[in-house]
C-alpha atoms as a PDB file:
ATOM      1  CA  MET A   1       2.241 -15.971  -8.463  1.00  0.00           C
ATOM      2  CA  PHE A   2      -1.550 -16.320  -8.472  1.00  0.00           C
ATOM      3  CA  ARG A   3      -3.547 -18.886  -6.556  1.00  0.00           C
ATOM      4  CA  ASN A   4      -7.325 -19.233  -6.884  1.00  0.00           C
ATOM      5  CA  GLY A   5      -7.465 -15.908  -8.690  1.00  0.00           C
ATOM      6  CA  VAL A   6      -5.735 -14.066  -5.844  1.00  0.00           C
ATOM      7  CA  PRO A   7      -2.105 -12.911  -6.012  1.00  0.00           C
ATOM      8  CA  ARG A   8      -0.007 -14.923  -3.558  1.00  0.00           C
ATOM      9  CA  VAL A   9       1.614 -13.030  -0.703  1.00  0.00           C
ATOM     10  CA  GLU A  10       4.946 -14.093   0.758  1.00  0.00           C
ATOM     11  CA  SER A  11       3.381 -15.407   3.964  1.00  0.00           C
ATOM     12  CA  ASP A  12       0.576 -14.842   6.443  1.00  0.00           C
ATOM     13  CA  ASP A  13       3.107 -12.993   8.602  1.00  0.00           C
ATOM     14  CA  ASP A  14       3.823 -10.522   5.781  1.00  0.00           C
ATOM     15  CA  LEU A  15       0.105  -9.964   5.260  1.00  0.00           C
ATOM     16  CA  ALA A  16      -0.493  -9.464   8.984  1.00  0.00           C
ATOM     17  CA  HIS A  17       2.234  -6.819   9.161  1.00  0.00           C
ATOM     18  CA  GLY A  18       1.079  -5.262   5.893  1.00  0.00           C
ATOM     19  CA  GLN A  19      -2.522  -4.852   6.965  1.00  0.00           C
ATOM     20  CA  SER A  20      -1.482  -2.402   9.681  1.00  0.00           C
ATOM     21  CA  VAL A  21       0.582  -0.390   7.202  1.00  0.00           C
ATOM     22  CA  ILE A  22      -2.256  -0.210   4.684  1.00  0.00           C
ATOM     23  CA  ILE A  23      -4.750   0.797   7.390  1.00  0.00           C
ATOM     24  CA  ALA A  24      -2.470   3.604   8.591  1.00  0.00           C
ATOM     25  CA  ALA A  25      -1.886   4.812   5.017  1.00  0.00           C
ATOM     26  CA  ARG A  26      -5.620   4.818   4.316  1.00  0.00           C
ATOM     27  CA  TRP A  27      -6.374   6.852   7.461  1.00  0.00           C
ATOM     28  CA  ILE A  28      -3.768   9.367   6.295  1.00  0.00           C
ATOM     29  CA  LEU A  29      -5.435   9.424   2.890  1.00  0.00           C
ATOM     30  CA  VAL A  30      -8.891   9.922   4.414  1.00  0.00           C
ATOM     31  CA  VAL A  31      -7.859  12.726   6.768  1.00  0.00           C
ATOM     32  CA  ALA A  32      -5.670  14.535   4.227  1.00  0.00           C
ATOM     33  CA  GLY A  33      -8.293  14.173   1.498  1.00  0.00           C
ATOM     34  CA  LEU A  34     -11.027  15.567   3.740  1.00  0.00           C
ATOM     35  CA  VAL A  35      -8.850  18.506   4.793  1.00  0.00           C
ATOM     36  CA  LEU A  36      -7.938  19.222   1.167  1.00  0.00           C
ATOM     37  CA  ALA A  37     -11.555  19.026   0.031  1.00  0.00           C
ATOM     38  CA  ILE A  38     -12.686  21.478   2.717  1.00  0.00           C
ATOM     39  CA  TRP A  39      -9.650  23.767   2.498  1.00  0.00           C
ATOM     40  CA  ASN A  40      -9.639  24.156  -1.266  1.00  0.00           C
ATOM     41  CA  PRO A  41     -13.102  23.238  -2.550  1.00  0.00           C
ATOM     42  CA  GLY A  42     -13.767  23.412  -6.265  1.00  0.00           C
ATOM     43  CA  GLY A  43     -17.269  23.353  -7.669  1.00  0.00           C
ATOM     44  CA  LEU A  44     -20.182  21.856  -5.786  1.00  0.00           C
ATOM     45  CA  VAL A  45     -20.109  18.661  -7.828  1.00  0.00           C
ATOM     46  CA  GLU A  46     -16.357  18.230  -7.242  1.00  0.00           C
ATOM     47  CA  LEU A  47     -16.813  18.707  -3.497  1.00  0.00           C
ATOM     48  CA  GLN A  48     -19.699  16.236  -3.388  1.00  0.00           C
ATOM     49  CA  VAL A  49     -17.719  13.598  -5.281  1.00  0.00           C
ATOM     50  CA  ALA A  50     -14.683  14.118  -3.035  1.00  0.00           C
ATOM     51  CA  ILE A  51     -16.709  13.772   0.162  1.00  0.00           C
ATOM     52  CA  VAL A  52     -18.541  10.644  -1.062  1.00  0.00           C
ATOM     53  CA  VAL A  53     -15.271   8.983  -2.118  1.00  0.00           C
ATOM     54  CA  ILE A  54     -13.500   9.901   1.116  1.00  0.00           C
ATOM     55  CA  LEU A  55     -16.377   8.719   3.308  1.00  0.00           C
ATOM     56  CA  GLY A  56     -16.502   5.468   1.346  1.00  0.00           C
ATOM     57  CA  LEU A  57     -12.799   4.914   1.985  1.00  0.00           C
ATOM     58  CA  ALA A  58     -13.274   5.761   5.670  1.00  0.00           C
ATOM     59  CA  LEU A  59     -16.094   3.229   6.085  1.00  0.00           C
ATOM     60  CA  GLY A  60     -14.135   0.511   4.294  1.00  0.00           C
ATOM     61  CA  ASN A  61     -11.027   1.212   6.334  1.00  0.00           C
ATOM     62  CA  PHE A  62     -13.027   1.237   9.562  1.00  0.00           C
ATOM     63  CA  ALA A  63     -14.306  -2.261   8.770  1.00  0.00           C
ATOM     64  CA  LEU A  64     -10.780  -3.486   7.977  1.00  0.00           C
ATOM     65  CA  HIS A  65      -9.400  -1.812  11.099  1.00  0.00           C
ATOM     66  CA  THR A  66     -12.085  -3.441  13.249  1.00  0.00           C
ATOM     67  CA  GLN A  67     -11.180  -6.853  11.868  1.00  0.00           C
ATOM     68  CA  VAL A  68      -7.491  -6.332  12.672  1.00  0.00           C
ATOM     69  CA  LEU A  69      -8.212  -5.048  16.198  1.00  0.00           C
ATOM     70  CA  GLY A  70     -10.432  -8.072  16.762  1.00  0.00           C
ATOM     71  CA  LYS A  71      -7.449 -10.223  15.769  1.00  0.00           C
ATOM     72  CA  GLY A  72      -9.431 -11.788  12.976  1.00  0.00           C
ATOM     73  CA  PRO A  73      -7.684 -13.830  10.299  1.00  0.00           C
ATOM     74  CA  SER A  74      -5.882 -11.973   7.514  1.00  0.00           C
ATOM     75  CA  MET A  75      -8.107 -12.067   4.432  1.00  0.00           C
ATOM     76  CA  ALA A  76      -6.001 -11.622   1.305  1.00  0.00           C
ATOM     77  CA  ARG A  77      -8.957 -10.772  -0.942  1.00  0.00           C
ATOM     78  CA  VAL A  78     -10.037  -7.928   1.344  1.00  0.00           C
ATOM     79  CA  VAL A  79      -6.537  -6.448   1.537  1.00  0.00           C
ATOM     80  CA  TYR A  80      -6.053  -6.625  -2.226  1.00  0.00           C
ATOM     81  CA  ALA A  81      -9.488  -5.135  -2.866  1.00  0.00           C
ATOM     82  CA  ALA A  82      -8.771  -2.301  -0.407  1.00  0.00           C
ATOM     83  CA  SER A  83      -5.582  -1.437  -2.284  1.00  0.00           C
ATOM     84  CA  VAL A  84      -7.424  -1.406  -5.617  1.00  0.00           C
ATOM     85  CA  ALA A  85     -10.087   0.826  -4.057  1.00  0.00           C
ATOM     86  CA  ASP A  86      -7.393   3.257  -2.872  1.00  0.00           C
ATOM     87  CA  LEU A  87      -5.914   3.695  -6.345  1.00  0.00           C
ATOM     88  CA  ALA A  88      -9.356   3.954  -7.955  1.00  0.00           C
ATOM     89  CA  ALA A  89     -10.501   6.556  -5.410  1.00  0.00           C
ATOM     90  CA  ILE A  90      -7.390   8.693  -5.928  1.00  0.00           C
ATOM     91  CA  SER A  91      -7.839   8.551  -9.699  1.00  0.00           C
ATOM     92  CA  LEU A  92     -11.487   9.531  -9.303  1.00  0.00           C
ATOM     93  CA  LEU A  93     -10.526  12.500  -7.106  1.00  0.00           C
ATOM     94  CA  ILE A  94      -8.044  13.661  -9.763  1.00  0.00           C
ATOM     95  CA  ILE A  95     -10.631  13.320 -12.538  1.00  0.00           C
ATOM     96  CA  SER A  96     -13.293  15.159 -10.530  1.00  0.00           C
ATOM     97  CA  GLY A  97     -10.789  17.981  -9.957  1.00  0.00           C
ATOM     98  CA  GLY A  98     -10.308  18.495 -13.674  1.00  0.00           C
ATOM     99  CA  GLY A  99      -7.273  16.275 -14.196  1.00  0.00           C
ATOM    100  CA  PHE A 100      -3.711  17.569 -14.498  1.00  0.00           C
ATOM    101  CA  PRO A 101      -2.456  19.398 -12.506  1.00  0.00           C
ATOM    102  CA  ALA A 102      -4.204  18.027  -9.436  1.00  0.00           C
ATOM    103  CA  ALA A 103      -3.293  18.143  -5.757  1.00  0.00           C
ATOM    104  CA  PRO A 104      -4.691  14.624  -5.051  1.00  0.00           C
ATOM    105  CA  TYR A 105      -1.814  13.249  -7.146  1.00  0.00           C
ATOM    106  CA  VAL A 106       0.289  13.111  -3.961  1.00  0.00           C
ATOM    107  CA  PHE A 107      -2.181  10.643  -2.436  1.00  0.00           C
ATOM    108  CA  TYR A 108      -0.807   7.968  -4.745  1.00  0.00           C
ATOM    109  CA  LEU A 109       2.466   8.103  -2.804  1.00  0.00           C
ATOM    110  CA  PRO A 110       1.336   6.776   0.630  1.00  0.00           C
ATOM    111  CA  ALA A 111      -0.941   4.250  -1.088  1.00  0.00           C
ATOM    112  CA  LEU A 112       1.890   2.867  -3.237  1.00  0.00           C
ATOM    113  CA  LEU A 113       4.308   2.943  -0.306  1.00  0.00           C
ATOM    114  CA  ALA A 114       1.909   0.877   1.809  1.00  0.00           C
ATOM    115  CA  ILE A 115       1.468  -1.599  -1.052  1.00  0.00           C
ATOM    116  CA  SER A 116       5.216  -1.896  -1.597  1.00  0.00           C
ATOM    117  CA  VAL A 117       5.967  -2.815   2.027  1.00  0.00           C
ATOM    118  CA  THR A 118       3.101  -5.302   2.192  1.00  0.00           C
ATOM    119  CA  PHE A 119       3.017  -7.401  -0.960  1.00  0.00           C
ATOM    120  CA  ARG A 120       5.467  -9.439  -2.983  1.00  0.00           C
ATOM    121  CA  THR A 121       7.509  -7.691  -5.666  1.00  0.00           C
ATOM    122  CA  GLU A 122       5.359  -9.056  -8.494  1.00  0.00           C
ATOM    123  CA  VAL A 123       2.150  -7.797  -6.909  1.00  0.00           C
ATOM    124  CA  MET A 124       3.720  -4.432  -6.093  1.00  0.00           C
ATOM    125  CA  ALA A 125       4.763  -4.110  -9.739  1.00  0.00           C
ATOM    126  CA  LEU A 126       1.177  -4.756 -10.899  1.00  0.00           C
ATOM    127  CA  TYR A 127      -0.260  -2.094  -8.593  1.00  0.00           C
ATOM    128  CA  THR A 128       2.458   0.385  -9.552  1.00  0.00           C
ATOM    129  CA  ALA A 129       1.852  -0.216 -13.244  1.00  0.00           C
ATOM    130  CA  ALA A 130      -1.873   0.320 -12.696  1.00  0.00           C
ATOM    131  CA  ALA A 131      -1.271   3.618 -10.878  1.00  0.00           C
ATOM    132  CA  LEU A 132       1.192   4.813 -13.519  1.00  0.00           C
ATOM    133  CA  GLY A 133      -1.200   3.845 -16.279  1.00  0.00           C
ATOM    134  CA  ALA A 134      -4.171   5.564 -14.650  1.00  0.00           C
ATOM    135  CA  TYR A 135      -2.359   8.803 -13.900  1.00  0.00           C
ATOM    136  CA  GLY A 136      -0.544   8.767 -17.233  1.00  0.00           C
ATOM    137  CA  LEU A 137      -3.844   8.413 -19.090  1.00  0.00           C
ATOM    138  CA  ILE A 138      -5.437  11.219 -17.082  1.00  0.00           C
ATOM    139  CA  ALA A 139      -2.437  13.461 -17.723  1.00  0.00           C
ATOM    140  CA  VAL A 140      -2.353  12.728 -21.462  1.00  0.00           C
ATOM    141  CA  VAL A 141      -6.021  13.667 -21.786  1.00  0.00           C
ATOM    142  CA  THR A 142      -5.944  16.802 -19.614  1.00  0.00           C
ATOM    143  CA  ALA A 143      -2.376  18.186 -19.739  1.00  0.00           C
ATOM    144  CA  SER A 144      -1.044  20.569 -22.375  1.00  0.00           C
ATOM    145  CA  GLY A 145       2.057  19.949 -24.473  1.00  0.00           C
ATOM    146  CA  GLY A 146       4.203  22.155 -22.255  1.00  0.00           C
ATOM    147  CA  ASP A 147       3.445  19.992 -19.217  1.00  0.00           C
ATOM    148  CA  LEU A 148       5.053  16.849 -20.631  1.00  0.00           C
ATOM    149  CA  LEU A 149       8.250  17.165 -18.586  1.00  0.00           C
ATOM    150  CA  THR A 150       6.275  17.694 -15.356  1.00  0.00           C
ATOM    151  CA  VAL A 151       4.149  14.643 -16.095  1.00  0.00           C
ATOM    152  CA  LEU A 152       7.241  12.512 -16.736  1.00  0.00           C
ATOM    153  CA  ILE A 153       8.819  13.669 -13.456  1.00  0.00           C
ATOM    154  CA  GLU A 154       5.658  12.864 -11.506  1.00  0.00           C
ATOM    155  CA  LEU A 155       5.477   9.418 -13.111  1.00  0.00           C
ATOM    156  CA  LEU A 156       9.112   8.785 -12.167  1.00  0.00           C
ATOM    157  CA  VAL A 157       8.332   9.765  -8.569  1.00  0.00           C
ATOM    158  CA  LEU A 158       5.356   7.391  -8.559  1.00  0.00           C
ATOM    159  CA  ALA A 159       7.641   4.592  -9.739  1.00  0.00           C
ATOM    160  CA  ALA A 160      10.516   5.412  -7.362  1.00  0.00           C
ATOM    161  CA  VAL A 161       8.473   5.361  -4.132  1.00  0.00           C
ATOM    162  CA  PRO A 162       7.283   1.724  -4.388  1.00  0.00           C
ATOM    163  CA  VAL A 163      10.722   0.596  -5.568  1.00  0.00           C
ATOM    164  CA  CYS A 164      12.281   2.044  -2.401  1.00  0.00           C
ATOM    165  CA  GLY A 165       9.494   0.558  -0.291  1.00  0.00           C
ATOM    166  CA  ASN A 166      10.034  -2.854  -1.843  1.00  0.00           C
ATOM    167  CA  VAL A 167      13.729  -2.710  -0.946  1.00  0.00           C
ATOM    168  CA  TYR A 168      12.658  -2.179   2.676  1.00  0.00           C
ATOM    169  CA  TRP A 169      10.170  -5.078   2.359  1.00  0.00           C
ATOM    170  CA  ARG A 170      12.944  -7.399   1.225  1.00  0.00           C
ATOM    171  CA  LEU A 171      15.273  -6.312   4.042  1.00  0.00           C
ATOM    172  CA  GLU A 172      12.532  -6.731   6.654  1.00  0.00           C
ATOM    173  CA  ARG A 173      11.570 -10.137   5.275  1.00  0.00           C
ATOM    174  CA  ASP A 174      15.193 -11.301   5.470  1.00  0.00           C
ATOM    175  CA  ARG A 175      15.515  -9.911   9.009  1.00  0.00           C
ATOM    176  CA  ARG A 176      12.437 -11.804  10.192  1.00  0.00           C
ATOM    177  CA  SER A 177      13.710 -14.945   8.482  1.00  0.00           C
ATOM    178  CA  ARG A 178      17.077 -14.686  10.242  1.00  0.00           C
ATOM    179  CA  ALA A 179      15.345 -14.008  13.579  1.00  0.00           C
ATOM    180  CA  GLY A 180      13.214 -17.129  13.129  1.00  0.00           C
ATOM    181  CA  GLN A 181      16.254 -19.236  12.316  1.00  0.00           C
ATOM    182  CA  GLN A 182      18.086 -17.845  15.353  1.00  0.00           C
ATOM    183  CA  THR A 183      15.139 -18.761  17.576  1.00  0.00           C
ATOM    184  CA  GLU A 184      15.326 -22.342  16.352  1.00  0.00           C
ATOM    185  CA  VAL A 185      19.090 -22.544  16.924  1.00  0.00           C
ATOM    186  CA  ASP A 186      19.159 -20.936  20.399  1.00  0.00           C
ATOM    187  CA  PRO A 187      17.821 -23.963  22.350  1.00  0.00           C
ATOM    188  CA  LEU A 188      20.521 -26.167  20.819  1.00  0.00           C
ATOM    189  CA  THR A 189      23.181 -23.584  21.650  1.00  0.00           C
ATOM    190  CA  SER A 190      22.052 -23.316  25.269  1.00  0.00           C
ATOM    191  CA  GLN A 191      22.070 -27.097  25.698  1.00  0.00           C
ATOM    192  CA  ALA A 192      25.623 -27.277  24.378  1.00  0.00           C
ATOM    193  CA  ALA A 193      26.723 -24.481  26.715  1.00  0.00           C
ATOM    194  CA  GLU A 194      25.206 -26.244  29.735  1.00  0.00           C
ATOM    195  CA  GLY A 195      26.855 -29.531  28.826  1.00  0.00           C
ATOM    196  CA  SER A 196      23.502 -31.275  28.561  1.00  0.00           C
ATOM    197  CA  TRP A 197      24.291 -33.033  25.329  1.00  0.00           C
ATOM    198  CA  PRO A 198      24.003 -36.804  25.654  1.00  0.00           C
ATOM    199  CA  ARG A 199      27.462 -38.305  26.011  1.00  0.00           C
ATOM    200  CA  PRO A 200      28.491 -41.395  24.092  1.00  0.00           C
ATOM    201  CA  ALA A 201      28.759 -44.560  26.183  1.00  0.00           C
END
């Protein structure tokens, strides 16, 4: 599962497709987070933290986006680090907003969805567990006893989204595998149809 300290992805093709998904999800996170911070600002410190975190994500995503547009090689370490940064930034936004309940909670959803359609099931499970643990800890510290049911529902939603995304990842992986096999078989099929097979003497 791990190679040289880096979780192993299914293939370079999966990582190449996944980079685009993660970049799109991060741009959504940046734009939505900036709109939310401006639309419903809390205290000055909360607004400053939100803007710094969002701008940091935007700069990191711009660098990753530039690499992809330049058709550079897929760098697994960068993609994994970007996903960790997403979850950490969302948790920081929730903490800076006073914890539970917090509007930035919904930002976990596109981040986890992007992770689930990019990485292997084992890696997706690690990221999901980290997000559940982070939000669960924040909620336990900041929520009241009457909010327990709401917290449990939100945790279930956080778990359900990557599970559904991983089902799609598996289906897409199998589809690409079948398409590759079909491409290899087609030349043989066309030769047989044209009667170009070598005939026995």
